[in-house]
Protein backbone atom coordinates (compact mmCIF):
# COMPACT_ATOMS: atom_id res chain seq x y z
CA MET A 1 -39.24 84.95 -82.13
CA SER A 2 -39.40 88.49 -83.50
CA ASP A 3 -40.59 87.25 -86.90
CA ASP A 4 -43.33 85.21 -85.20
CA LEU A 5 -44.47 88.25 -83.20
CA ASP A 6 -44.44 90.38 -86.34
CA THR A 7 -46.65 87.84 -88.09
CA VAL A 8 -49.09 87.65 -85.16
CA PHE A 9 -49.36 91.41 -84.77
CA ALA A 10 -49.76 91.88 -88.53
CA ALA A 11 -52.62 89.38 -88.48
CA LEU A 12 -54.22 91.15 -85.51
CA ALA A 13 -53.91 94.56 -87.18
CA ASP A 14 -56.99 93.96 -89.32
CA PRO A 15 -60.42 94.43 -87.68
CA THR A 16 -62.01 91.69 -89.78
CA ARG A 17 -59.45 89.17 -88.59
CA ARG A 18 -59.96 90.23 -84.97
CA ALA A 19 -63.71 89.79 -85.45
CA ILE A 20 -63.12 86.31 -86.87
CA LEU A 21 -61.06 85.39 -83.80
CA THR A 22 -63.89 86.64 -81.59
CA LEU A 23 -66.35 84.41 -83.45
CA LEU A 24 -64.08 81.41 -82.98
CA LEU A 25 -63.90 81.99 -79.21
CA GLU A 26 -67.33 80.36 -79.02
CA ASP A 27 -66.61 77.16 -80.93
CA ASP A 28 -65.11 75.69 -84.09
CA MET A 29 -66.91 76.95 -87.17
CA ALA A 30 -67.26 76.02 -90.81
CA VAL A 31 -65.72 78.57 -93.16
CA THR A 32 -69.16 79.41 -94.56
CA ASP A 33 -70.43 80.13 -91.02
CA VAL A 34 -67.42 82.35 -90.35
CA ALA A 35 -68.22 84.28 -93.54
CA ASP A 36 -71.93 84.80 -92.74
CA PRO A 37 -71.68 87.94 -90.56
CA PHE A 38 -69.39 89.76 -92.99
CA ASP A 39 -70.35 91.75 -96.05
CA MET A 40 -67.61 90.33 -98.26
CA SER A 41 -67.04 87.43 -100.58
CA LEU A 42 -66.10 83.97 -99.44
CA ALA A 43 -62.80 84.42 -101.29
CA ALA A 44 -62.02 87.53 -99.20
CA ILE A 45 -62.83 85.68 -95.98
CA SER A 46 -60.62 82.80 -97.14
CA LYS A 47 -57.72 85.23 -97.54
CA HIS A 48 -58.24 86.48 -93.98
CA LEU A 49 -58.36 82.89 -92.74
CA THR A 50 -55.10 82.14 -94.55
CA VAL A 51 -53.39 85.06 -92.79
CA LEU A 52 -54.70 83.87 -89.41
CA THR A 53 -53.57 80.31 -90.17
CA ARG A 54 -50.07 81.41 -91.21
CA ALA A 55 -49.82 83.38 -87.96
CA GLY A 56 -50.75 80.22 -86.06
CA LEU A 57 -53.81 81.89 -84.54
CA ILE A 58 -56.22 79.37 -86.05
CA SER A 59 -56.04 75.97 -87.66
CA GLN A 60 -58.17 74.67 -90.49
CA GLU A 61 -59.15 71.09 -91.18
CA LYS A 62 -61.36 69.44 -93.72
CA ARG A 63 -64.14 67.28 -92.31
CA GLY A 64 -65.86 65.61 -95.19
CA ARG A 65 -66.69 68.34 -97.68
CA VAL A 66 -66.59 71.15 -95.12
CA LYS A 67 -63.53 73.11 -94.03
CA TRP A 68 -63.58 73.95 -90.30
CA CYS A 69 -61.71 76.66 -88.44
CA LYS A 70 -60.50 76.31 -84.88
CA LEU A 71 -58.94 78.89 -82.59
CA GLU A 72 -55.48 77.89 -81.39
CA PRO A 73 -55.51 78.84 -77.69
CA GLY A 74 -51.75 78.96 -77.17
CA ALA A 75 -51.06 81.04 -80.25
CA LEU A 76 -51.21 84.39 -78.47
CA ARG A 77 -48.99 83.29 -75.59
CA ALA A 78 -45.76 84.79 -76.95
CA ALA A 79 -47.49 88.06 -77.84
CA SER A 80 -49.11 88.18 -74.41
CA VAL A 81 -45.79 87.59 -72.64
CA TRP A 82 -44.19 90.32 -74.74
CA MET A 83 -47.00 92.79 -73.94
CA GLN A 84 -46.92 91.97 -70.22
CA GLY A 85 -43.38 93.29 -70.17
CA PHE A 86 -44.84 96.75 -70.59
CA GLY A 87 -47.16 96.29 -67.61
CA GLN A 88 -44.34 96.03 -65.08
CA PHE A 89 -44.75 99.62 -63.94
CA GLU A 90 -47.42 100.62 -61.48
CA PRO A 91 -49.89 103.18 -62.76
CA VAL A 92 -49.25 106.63 -61.36
CA ASN A 93 -51.61 107.65 -58.58
CA LEU A 94 -51.93 111.33 -59.38
CA ASP A 95 -53.49 112.25 -56.01
CA ALA A 96 -50.64 110.64 -54.10
CA PHE A 97 -48.12 112.27 -56.42
CA GLU A 98 -49.71 115.68 -55.84
CA ARG A 99 -49.55 115.17 -52.03
CA PHE A 100 -45.91 114.16 -52.33
CA LEU A 101 -45.10 117.29 -54.33
CA ALA A 102 -46.97 119.49 -51.84
CA GLN A 103 -44.86 118.06 -48.99
CA GLU A 104 -41.58 118.33 -50.91
CA LEU A 105 -42.24 121.75 -52.48
CA PRO A 106 -44.43 123.63 -49.98
CA ASP A 107 -43.56 127.09 -51.38
CA VAL A 108 -44.91 126.42 -54.89
CA PRO A 109 -48.14 128.37 -55.43
CA LYS A 110 -51.25 126.31 -56.26
CA ASP A 111 -53.54 127.25 -59.14
């Protein structure tokens, strides 16, 4: 599982690849349509798509003469579960913490 997470996070580390995933949220797209918004060669986009495919974040299939890219919705599940483990702590309410300290340490001078 660790290797899979490493691969997913490595794929997500690049802003171009994250932008590609955002594009694919809308719908499946032909590779040439994915490449349109970017100022880079089709070969460079293809390399990014290969990284995303190897990470399992997208799939590619040939329909006739056109290669299509599709977002794989379950691909981020393991990464999401892993990240949720860090959200188990409640955020600190600083006002409540300050009131608690004032009650517990009444002799401490305030600034």
